[in-house]
Amino acid sequence: MADVIQQCFRCLFAGLLIVCSFAAAAQETVFPLRVADNHRYLEDAAGRPFLITGDSAWSLIGDLSREDADKYLADRQRRGFNTILVSLIEHRFSRNSPRNFYKHAPFLVDGDFTKPNEAYFGDADWILNRARERGFLVLLVPSYLGSDGGTEGWFREIKAAGAKAMRSYGRYLGKRYRDYPNIIWVQGGDYDTPDKRLVDELARGISDANPAALQTVHRGANTVGSGDWAGAPWFTLDTLYAYDEIIDRALQRQRAGPALPFFFIEGPYENERGSDEQSLRLNAYGTILAGACGQIFGNNPLWHFAGPGLYDAPGTWEDALGSRGSQSVSYLKQFFDSLPWWELEPERGRLLAKPDQSDKGLALGAMTKEGKAAVLYVSGRNSIAIDTSALAPSVRRARWYDPASGKYTEASEAGSVRRGIVTFETPEPRNSGGFDDWVLVLGSGS
């Protein structure tokens, strides 16, 4: 069988790989989302797989005017983002915190979660309505805890208010937003509180008023949400939050479970922690190929807009809308929309030839169970060896995808070291952005 497949490679590489445009990518998302029957990804109400392609917009509600908020949403919609991660109430990272752009505080009495301010939540409603009208999934954080429970977030006020007040606040939110089918609630925020009741009661309060609400968590760095919350009745979607060993952590989560979809909720942001567009792409492509049902991109200063941040920002949030990282996410969305991404599984040594022909760089791969399609992300190397015995006979075409430009290049066989092993070389040492990462796509075509 390997001989047949290899012959097909030799005969047909002169043609371009035509990747099918799946109907799931072309049609408008029908909310609410739900967990697919196989518990590996989210799908919309029409049964179409939904790839979380998100932007961190933590201070959107707290910092921007309605006009600027809509300008931001219009830009992200145009660039193919379908998800935003937002704090409902901001404690530090906005200009007037905890008040919003219009100087409205979230509570009538500071820190009293049982006394929400209608003026503030009316402003929030306007932005959330615009997000819904533009088709966004909103990952909404009801009360960000803050790193180490410090002054960045609401943990001290939450602790002082107590579990009963948080249950009341949760019920208020669940009732107010139960007609927003595009919201998934994100509990916690950069901190694993010793008193889990404070988070649990808030989540249970939301469920009291809206039992159908999907909820997840944002824990401390280098964790998965299920590490603390597996088994909680409201916990229906898992998260990975990591700054190091990101791909390994994603592969471990995919292999170990639990049987819930998970997505990459946070990692290094653009213009922070020494990241560049290639490292951001590595994390985004790598986690999806490792089994995540999506990823959230972050940019400084976009995540805090005009409010205070944690690192110096190169320019304004308006300047950052078209950043190289943002462009890379747009190309990533276009790429995965053209594939049955929901059928991909980590290749786990079936596809990449052993021993590897290169000591440099890395290669990450995923393929469908029957071997009818495969995707391999390579970084820091100019060739990759494929074991064709892992592929279905229908696999006849291949292309290289430039993740910095969104363009495809015909792939051709560079040579064969031994029977059944096919080597491909990247089109150029560097892609259009000047980096050395590429994506190889193997599949059938017409």
Protein backbone atom coordinates (compact mmCIF):
# COMPACT_ATOMS: atom_id res chain seq x y z
CA MET A 1 0.00 0.00 0.00
CA ALA A 2 2.85 2.33 0.77
CA ASP A 3 4.19 1.84 -2.79
CA VAL A 4 0.86 2.84 -4.25
CA ILE A 5 0.63 5.95 -2.10
CA GLN A 6 4.21 6.90 -2.86
CA GLN A 7 3.57 6.51 -6.58
CA CYS A 8 0.55 8.75 -6.26
CA PHE A 9 2.73 11.40 -4.66
CA ARG A 10 5.17 11.27 -7.59
CA CYS A 11 2.51 11.42 -10.25
CA LEU A 12 0.24 14.07 -8.86
CA PHE A 13 2.37 16.66 -7.10
CA ALA A 14 2.34 18.77 -10.27
CA GLY A 15 -1.25 19.71 -9.40
CA LEU A 16 -2.38 22.07 -6.69
CA LEU A 17 -4.04 20.78 -3.56
CA ILE A 18 -7.61 22.00 -3.63
CA VAL A 19 -8.88 22.03 -0.09
CA CYS A 20 -12.63 21.76 0.21
CA SER A 21 -14.50 24.62 1.82
CA PHE A 22 -16.74 22.96 4.35
CA ALA A 23 -20.25 24.23 4.84
CA ALA A 24 -19.61 24.51 8.57
CA ALA A 25 -17.18 27.37 7.96
CA ALA A 26 -19.40 29.23 5.49
CA GLN A 27 -22.62 29.43 7.47
CA GLU A 28 -23.45 31.74 10.33
CA THR A 29 -23.15 30.26 13.80
CA VAL A 30 -26.47 29.40 15.41
CA PHE A 31 -26.23 29.90 19.17
CA PRO A 32 -26.30 28.44 21.76
CA LEU A 33 -23.28 26.22 21.52
CA ARG A 34 -23.21 22.74 23.02
CA VAL A 35 -20.68 20.02 23.68
CA ALA A 36 -20.50 17.58 20.75
CA ASP A 37 -21.51 13.97 21.38
CA ASN A 38 -17.87 12.84 21.30
CA HIS A 39 -16.98 15.46 23.97
CA ARG A 40 -14.04 16.78 21.91
CA TYR A 41 -15.31 20.11 20.59
CA LEU A 42 -18.18 22.56 20.63
CA GLU A 43 -20.86 22.68 17.99
CA ASP A 44 -23.62 25.15 17.29
CA ALA A 45 -27.36 24.55 17.55
CA ALA A 46 -27.38 23.30 13.95
CA GLY A 47 -24.70 20.71 14.71
CA ARG A 48 -21.83 22.55 12.99
CA PRO A 49 -18.41 22.35 14.69
CA PHE A 50 -17.28 25.65 16.22
CA LEU A 51 -13.54 26.38 16.39
CA ILE A 52 -12.89 28.92 19.14
CA THR A 53 -10.82 31.65 17.49
CA GLY A 54 -10.63 34.30 20.13
CA ASP A 55 -9.17 37.62 21.15
CA SER A 56 -8.40 38.70 24.70
CA ALA A 57 -10.44 41.85 25.27
CA TRP A 58 -10.45 41.85 29.05
CA SER A 59 -11.16 45.58 29.50
CA LEU A 60 -13.61 46.05 26.64
CA ILE A 61 -16.66 46.63 28.85
CA GLY A 62 -14.78 48.51 31.53
CA ASP A 63 -12.72 50.87 29.39
CA LEU A 64 -14.34 51.73 26.06
CA SER A 65 -17.21 53.90 24.94
CA ARG A 66 -19.98 52.27 22.99
CA GLU A 67 -18.63 53.70 19.74
CA ASP A 68 -15.09 52.45 20.33
CA ALA A 69 -16.34 49.08 21.51
CA ASP A 70 -18.26 48.64 18.29
CA LYS A 71 -15.24 49.75 16.27
CA TYR A 72 -13.20 47.04 17.96
CA LEU A 73 -15.88 44.39 17.41
CA ALA A 74 -16.25 45.33 13.74
CA ASP A 75 -12.51 44.93 13.20
CA ARG A 76 -12.33 41.54 14.91
CA GLN A 77 -15.35 40.31 12.98
CA ARG A 78 -13.77 41.40 9.70
CA ARG A 79 -10.56 39.56 10.57
CA GLY A 80 -12.33 36.27 11.24
CA PHE A 81 -12.29 36.22 15.05
CA ASN A 82 -15.44 34.56 16.40
CA THR A 83 -14.81 34.78 20.17
CA ILE A 84 -13.85 37.45 22.69
CA LEU A 85 -12.69 37.00 26.29
CA VAL A 86 -14.06 39.85 28.42
CA SER A 87 -14.33 40.92 32.05
CA LEU A 88 -17.86 41.99 32.96
CA ILE A 89 -16.54 44.20 35.77
CA GLU A 90 -13.02 45.64 35.77
CA HIS A 91 -11.03 46.22 38.94
CA ARG A 92 -7.78 47.75 37.74
CA PHE A 93 -7.11 47.56 34.01
CA SER A 94 -9.31 50.40 32.77
CA ARG A 95 -9.01 54.16 32.98
CA ASN A 96 -11.79 54.73 35.51
CA SER A 97 -11.79 51.36 37.25
CA PRO A 98 -13.93 50.07 38.73
CA ARG A 99 -16.12 52.58 36.92
CA ASN A 100 -16.61 52.31 33.19
CA PHE A 101 -16.08 54.89 30.43
CA TYR A 102 -19.29 56.65 31.50
CA LYS A 103 -18.16 56.78 35.14
CA HIS A 104 -20.78 54.24 36.22
CA ALA A 105 -19.70 51.85 39.00
CA PRO A 106 -20.80 48.21 38.87
CA PHE A 107 -22.30 48.34 42.36
CA LEU A 108 -24.32 50.96 44.19
CA VAL A 109 -22.13 50.35 47.23
CA ASP A 110 -18.45 49.61 46.56
CA GLY A 111 -17.79 45.89 46.77
CA ASP A 112 -21.40 44.97 47.56
CA PHE A 113 -22.25 42.27 45.04
CA THR A 114 -25.88 42.22 46.21
CA LYS A 115 -26.42 45.79 44.98
CA PRO A 116 -25.68 45.88 41.22
CA ASN A 117 -25.94 49.26 39.52
CA GLU A 118 -28.46 49.25 36.68
CA ALA A 119 -26.66 52.10 34.90
CA TYR A 120 -23.42 50.13 34.70
CA PHE A 121 -25.02 46.88 33.58
CA GLY A 122 -27.12 48.75 31.05
CA ASP A 123 -23.87 49.97 29.46
CA ALA A 124 -22.53 46.41 29.54
CA ASP A 125 -25.74 45.15 27.92
CA TRP A 126 -25.22 47.49 24.96
CA ILE A 127 -21.76 46.08 24.23
CA LEU A 128 -22.89 42.49 24.77
CA ASN A 129 -25.82 43.07 22.42
CA ARG A 130 -23.47 44.33 19.72
CA ALA A 131 -21.25 41.29 20.20
CA ARG A 132 -24.28 39.05 19.84
CA GLU A 133 -25.45 40.87 16.72
CA ARG A 134 -22.01 40.47 15.17
CA GLY A 135 -22.02 36.74 15.88
CA PHE A 136 -19.39 36.53 18.62
CA LEU A 137 -19.13 33.92 21.31
CA VAL A 138 -18.47 35.90 24.50
CA LEU A 139 -16.35 34.27 27.19
CA LEU A 140 -17.60 36.44 30.02
CA VAL A 141 -15.72 36.68 33.32
CA PRO A 142 -18.22 37.72 36.04
CA SER A 143 -15.64 38.76 38.65
CA TYR A 144 -11.96 38.38 37.81
CA LEU A 145 -10.09 37.28 40.96
CA GLY A 146 -6.67 38.73 40.12
CA SER A 147 -3.15 37.34 40.23
CA ASP A 148 -2.42 35.79 43.65
CA GLY A 149 -5.66 37.27 44.93
CA GLY A 150 -4.12 40.75 44.87
CA THR A 151 -5.37 44.17 43.85
CA GLU A 152 -5.59 43.40 40.14
CA GLY A 153 -8.91 41.67 40.68
CA TRP A 154 -11.92 41.36 42.94
CA PHE A 155 -10.78 38.58 45.26
CA ARG A 156 -10.51 40.71 48.41
CA GLU A 157 -13.98 42.16 47.91
CA ILE A 158 -15.36 38.70 47.10
CA LYS A 159 -13.82 37.26 50.25
CA ALA A 160 -15.27 40.09 52.33
CA ALA A 161 -18.70 39.67 50.73
CA GLY A 162 -18.84 35.93 51.36
CA ALA A 163 -20.35 32.91 49.63
CA LYS A 164 -23.99 33.92 50.18
CA ALA A 165 -23.48 37.27 48.43
CA MET A 166 -21.75 35.53 45.52
CA ARG A 167 -24.71 33.17 45.11
CA SER A 168 -26.98 36.22 44.94
CA TYR A 169 -24.72 37.92 42.38
CA GLY A 170 -24.66 34.74 40.31
CA ARG A 171 -28.44 34.52 40.27
CA TYR A 172 -28.65 38.16 39.22
CA LEU A 173 -26.28 37.53 36.30
CA GLY A 174 -27.90 34.26 35.31
CA LYS A 175 -31.32 35.90 35.16
CA ARG A 176 -30.12 39.05 33.42
CA TYR A 177 -28.20 37.26 30.69
CA ARG A 178 -30.10 34.01 30.23
CA ASP A 179 -31.46 35.32 26.92
CA TYR A 180 -27.92 35.81 25.59
CA PRO A 181 -27.26 32.39 24.02
CA ASN A 182 -23.74 33.42 22.92
CA ILE A 183 -22.30 33.71 26.46
CA ILE A 184 -20.07 31.14 28.15
CA TRP A 185 -19.20 32.09 31.73
CA VAL A 186 -15.56 32.01 32.81
CA GLN A 187 -15.10 31.71 36.56
CA GLY A 188 -11.97 32.63 38.50
CA GLY A 189 -9.17 34.53 36.85
CA ASP A 190 -5.42 34.07 37.42
CA TYR A 191 -5.88 32.64 40.90
CA ASP A 192 -6.83 29.39 42.59
CA THR A 193 -8.57 30.59 45.70
CA PRO A 194 -8.16 28.41 48.82
CA ASP A 195 -11.86 28.94 49.52
CA LYS A 196 -13.43 27.35 46.47
CA ARG A 197 -16.92 28.06 47.79
CA LEU A 198 -16.60 31.68 46.68
CA VAL A 199 -16.23 30.65 43.05
CA ASP A 200 -18.54 27.66 43.31
CA GLU A 201 -21.43 29.65 44.78
CA LEU A 202 -21.17 32.28 42.04
CA ALA A 203 -21.23 29.58 39.36
CA ARG A 204 -24.11 27.78 41.06
CA GLY A 205 -26.04 31.05 41.25
CA ILE A 206 -25.75 31.45 37.48
CA SER A 207 -26.94 27.87 37.03
CA ASP A 208 -29.87 28.49 39.39
CA ALA A 209 -31.23 31.13 37.02
CA ASN A 210 -29.99 29.56 33.78
CA PRO A 211 -29.42 25.79 34.07
CA ALA A 212 -28.43 25.60 30.38
CA ALA A 213 -25.50 28.00 30.74
CA LEU A 214 -22.08 26.66 29.76
CA GLN A 215 -19.35 27.51 32.27
CA THR A 216 -15.60 27.08 32.55
CA VAL A 217 -12.69 28.50 34.57
CA HIS A 218 -9.54 30.55 34.22
CA ARG A 219 -7.17 29.28 36.90
CA GLY A 220 -3.60 30.18 37.78
CA ALA A 221 -0.88 29.85 35.13
CA ASN A 222 0.31 26.44 33.92
CA THR A 223 -2.89 24.62 34.81
CA VAL A 224 -5.92 23.02 33.25
CA GLY A 225 -9.32 23.97 34.58
CA SER A 226 -10.30 20.40 35.33
CA GLY A 227 -7.35 20.09 37.71
CA ASP A 228 -9.45 21.91 40.29
CA TRP A 229 -13.00 21.72 39.03
CA ALA A 230 -13.59 18.35 37.35
CA GLY A 231 -16.91 17.04 38.62
CA ALA A 232 -18.42 20.41 39.52
CA PRO A 233 -22.00 20.30 38.16
CA TRP A 234 -21.62 23.60 36.30
CA PHE A 235 -18.18 22.83 34.80
CA THR A 236 -18.84 21.91 31.16
CA LEU A 237 -15.80 23.11 29.21
CA ASP A 238 -12.12 22.72 30.08
CA THR A 239 -9.25 25.18 29.64
CA LEU A 240 -5.48 25.18 29.31
CA TYR A 241 -3.57 28.22 30.61
CA ALA A 242 0.20 28.01 30.22
CA TYR A 243 3.34 30.03 29.58
CA ASP A 244 5.79 27.14 29.14
CA GLU A 245 5.71 23.57 27.81
CA ILE A 246 2.45 24.58 26.19
CA ILE A 247 2.24 21.90 23.50
CA ASP A 248 3.32 19.15 25.89
CA ARG A 249 0.66 20.26 28.36
CA ALA A 250 -1.97 20.24 25.61
CA LEU A 251 -0.98 16.74 24.49
CA GLN A 252 -1.05 15.53 28.07
CA ARG A 253 -4.51 17.02 28.59
CA GLN A 254 -5.79 15.45 25.37
CA ARG A 255 -4.46 12.05 26.37
CA ALA A 256 -5.47 12.08 30.03
CA GLY A 257 -8.92 13.65 29.90
CA PRO A 258 -11.44 14.22 31.39
CA ALA A 259 -13.94 13.66 28.59
CA LEU A 260 -14.64 17.36 28.03
CA PRO A 261 -13.60 19.69 25.22
CA PHE A 262 -10.71 21.97 26.15
CA PHE A 263 -9.29 25.11 24.60
CA PHE A 264 -6.14 27.19 25.03
CA ILE A 265 -7.45 30.14 27.01
CA GLU A 266 -4.22 32.05 27.65
CA GLY A 267 -0.49 32.02 27.05
CA PRO A 268 2.13 34.63 26.15
CA TYR A 269 0.62 37.71 24.51
CA GLU A 270 2.00 39.64 21.57
CA ASN A 271 4.40 42.37 22.79
CA GLU A 272 4.81 40.64 26.16
CA ARG A 273 7.27 38.08 27.53
CA GLY A 274 9.48 38.24 24.45
CA SER A 275 6.90 36.67 22.14
CA ASP A 276 6.87 37.17 18.38
CA GLU A 277 4.48 36.15 15.63
CA GLN A 278 6.14 32.77 15.17
CA SER A 279 5.98 31.82 18.85
CA LEU A 280 2.33 32.89 18.91
CA ARG A 281 1.61 30.75 15.86
CA LEU A 282 3.41 27.80 17.39
CA ASN A 283 1.16 27.95 20.43
CA ALA A 284 -2.01 28.45 18.39
CA TYR A 285 -1.43 25.79 15.72
CA GLY A 286 0.26 23.47 18.20
CA THR A 287 -2.56 23.40 20.73
CA ILE A 288 -5.21 22.84 18.06
CA LEU A 289 -3.20 20.01 16.51
CA ALA A 290 -2.79 18.62 20.04
CA GLY A 291 -6.56 18.32 20.40
CA ALA A 292 -7.77 21.72 21.65
CA CYS A 293 -11.09 22.97 20.30
CA GLY A 294 -9.66 26.44 19.79
CA GLN A 295 -7.39 29.12 21.17
CA ILE A 296 -7.43 32.70 22.45
CA PHE A 297 -4.95 35.22 21.08
CA GLY A 298 -3.72 38.15 23.17
CA ASN A 299 -2.06 41.44 22.31
CA ASN A 300 -0.63 44.26 24.39
CA PRO A 301 -2.24 46.86 24.44
CA LEU A 302 -5.41 45.40 22.94
CA TRP A 303 -6.30 43.39 26.02
CA HIS A 304 -6.49 46.52 28.21
CA PHE A 305 -7.20 49.11 25.46
CA ALA A 306 -6.47 52.60 26.84
CA GLY A 307 -6.33 51.44 30.45
CA PRO A 308 -3.19 50.56 32.43
CA GLY A 309 -1.46 47.31 31.54
CA LEU A 310 1.40 45.23 32.88
CA TYR A 311 4.01 45.95 30.19
CA ASP A 312 4.94 48.93 28.05
CA ALA A 313 2.82 48.98 24.92
CA PRO A 314 4.13 49.93 21.45
CA GLY A 315 1.41 52.30 20.29
CA THR A 316 -2.34 52.49 20.82
CA TRP A 317 -4.93 49.75 20.79
CA GLU A 318 -6.15 51.07 17.45
CA ASP A 319 -2.64 50.62 16.04
CA ALA A 320 -2.59 47.05 17.36
CA LEU A 321 -5.74 45.94 15.55
CA GLY A 322 -3.72 45.04 12.47
CA SER A 323 -0.72 43.56 14.27
CA ARG A 324 1.26 40.70 12.78
CA GLY A 325 -0.14 38.44 15.45
CA SER A 326 -3.70 39.42 14.57
CA GLN A 327 -3.00 38.74 10.90
CA SER A 328 -1.63 35.32 11.78
CA VAL A 329 -4.84 34.45 13.61
CA SER A 330 -6.88 35.48 10.56
CA TYR A 331 -4.82 33.14 8.38
CA LEU A 332 -5.12 30.37 10.98
CA LYS A 333 -8.92 30.69 10.90
CA GLN A 334 -8.97 30.59 7.10
CA PHE A 335 -6.74 27.54 7.14
CA PHE A 336 -8.73 25.46 9.61
CA ASP A 337 -12.03 26.51 8.06
CA SER A 338 -10.88 24.69 4.91
CA LEU A 339 -10.32 21.41 6.78
CA PRO A 340 -12.33 18.94 8.87
CA TRP A 341 -10.33 20.10 11.89
CA TRP A 342 -12.77 18.45 14.29
CA GLU A 343 -11.71 15.04 12.95
CA LEU A 344 -7.98 15.60 13.50
CA GLU A 345 -6.16 13.73 16.26
CA PRO A 346 -2.51 14.03 17.36
CA GLU A 347 -0.44 11.77 15.13
CA ARG A 348 1.54 10.33 18.09
CA GLY A 349 4.34 8.87 16.02
CA ARG A 350 2.23 7.26 13.30
CA LEU A 351 2.94 9.83 10.59
CA LEU A 352 6.32 11.40 11.34
CA ALA A 353 9.06 9.03 10.22
CA LYS A 354 11.38 7.61 12.85
CA PRO A 355 14.20 8.23 13.35
CA ASP A 356 13.72 11.85 12.46
CA GLN A 357 15.92 13.13 9.70
CA SER A 358 16.75 16.36 11.50
CA ASP A 359 17.99 17.27 14.95
CA LYS A 360 16.86 20.86 14.56
CA GLY A 361 13.50 22.51 15.01
CA LEU A 362 10.24 20.75 15.62
CA ALA A 363 7.33 19.17 13.80
CA LEU A 364 3.80 18.79 15.17
CA GLY A 365 1.24 16.70 13.39
CA ALA A 366 -2.38 15.61 13.46
CA MET A 367 -4.41 13.39 11.17
CA THR A 368 -7.87 11.95 10.82
CA LYS A 369 -8.43 8.49 12.23
CA GLU A 370 -8.62 6.89 8.78
CA GLY A 371 -5.58 8.81 7.55
CA LYS A 372 -7.52 10.67 4.87
CA ALA A 373 -6.11 14.05 5.84
CA ALA A 374 -3.10 15.27 7.81
CA VAL A 375 -1.65 18.58 8.94
CA LEU A 376 1.93 19.13 10.09
CA TYR A 377 3.27 22.38 11.53
CA VAL A 378 7.05 22.73 11.24
CA SER A 379 9.26 25.34 12.84
CA GLY A 380 13.02 25.82 12.67
CA ARG A 381 13.59 23.20 9.98
CA ASN A 382 13.39 22.97 6.19
CA SER A 383 12.35 19.36 5.65
CA ILE A 384 10.09 16.70 7.08
CA ALA A 385 9.85 12.94 6.50
CA ILE A 386 6.44 11.27 6.27
CA ASP A 387 5.63 7.61 6.77
CA THR A 388 3.08 7.08 3.99
CA SER A 389 1.86 3.81 5.49
CA ALA A 390 -0.14 5.90 7.98
CA LEU A 391 -2.10 7.56 5.18
CA ALA A 392 -5.15 6.36 3.31
CA PRO A 393 -4.79 5.47 -0.39
CA SER A 394 -6.96 8.48 -1.26
CA VAL A 395 -4.24 10.86 -0.04
CA ARG A 396 -2.78 12.10 -3.30
CA ARG A 397 -1.98 15.76 -2.95
CA ALA A 398 0.06 18.04 -0.75
CA ARG A 399 0.68 21.76 -0.29
CA TRP A 400 2.71 23.98 1.93
CA TYR A 401 0.79 26.74 3.69
CA ASP A 402 2.53 29.97 4.63
CA PRO A 403 1.00 30.90 8.02
CA ALA A 404 2.38 34.44 7.69
CA SER A 405 0.54 35.21 4.44
CA GLY A 406 -2.25 32.66 4.06
CA LYS A 407 -0.91 31.46 0.70
CA TYR A 408 -0.37 27.91 -0.53
CA THR A 409 2.56 26.54 -2.51
CA GLU A 410 2.64 23.27 -4.39
CA ALA A 411 4.62 20.63 -2.50
CA SER A 412 6.83 18.09 -4.21
CA GLU A 413 8.70 15.05 -3.03
CA ALA A 414 12.33 15.84 -2.25
CA GLY A 415 13.43 12.24 -1.95
CA SER A 416 12.94 8.92 -0.25
CA VAL A 417 15.33 7.58 2.35
CA ARG A 418 13.71 4.15 2.44
CA ARG A 419 10.61 2.37 1.29
CA GLY A 420 7.41 4.13 2.29
CA ILE A 421 9.14 7.27 3.58
CA VAL A 422 8.62 10.51 1.66
CA THR A 423 10.57 13.68 2.41
CA PHE A 424 9.26 17.18 1.74
CA GLU A 425 11.28 20.39 1.80
CA THR A 426 9.78 23.77 2.63
CA PRO A 427 9.40 26.14 -0.36
CA GLU A 428 11.96 28.53 1.09
CA PRO A 429 14.07 28.60 4.25
CA ARG A 430 11.84 31.41 5.52
CA ASN A 431 8.21 32.30 4.96
CA SER A 432 6.86 35.67 3.79
CA GLY A 433 7.13 37.09 7.30
CA GLY A 434 10.82 36.22 7.60
CA PHE A 435 10.27 33.31 10.00
CA ASP A 436 10.93 29.62 9.54
CA ASP A 437 7.54 28.07 10.28
CA TRP A 438 5.37 26.37 7.64
CA VAL A 439 2.34 24.08 7.54
CA LEU A 440 2.18 20.96 5.35
CA VAL A 441 -1.26 19.70 4.33
CA LEU A 442 -1.84 16.19 3.01
CA GLY A 443 -5.20 15.09 1.65
CA SER A 444 -7.31 14.14 -1.31
CA GLY A 445 -8.20 16.63 -4.00
CA SER A 446 -9.78 16.98 -7.38
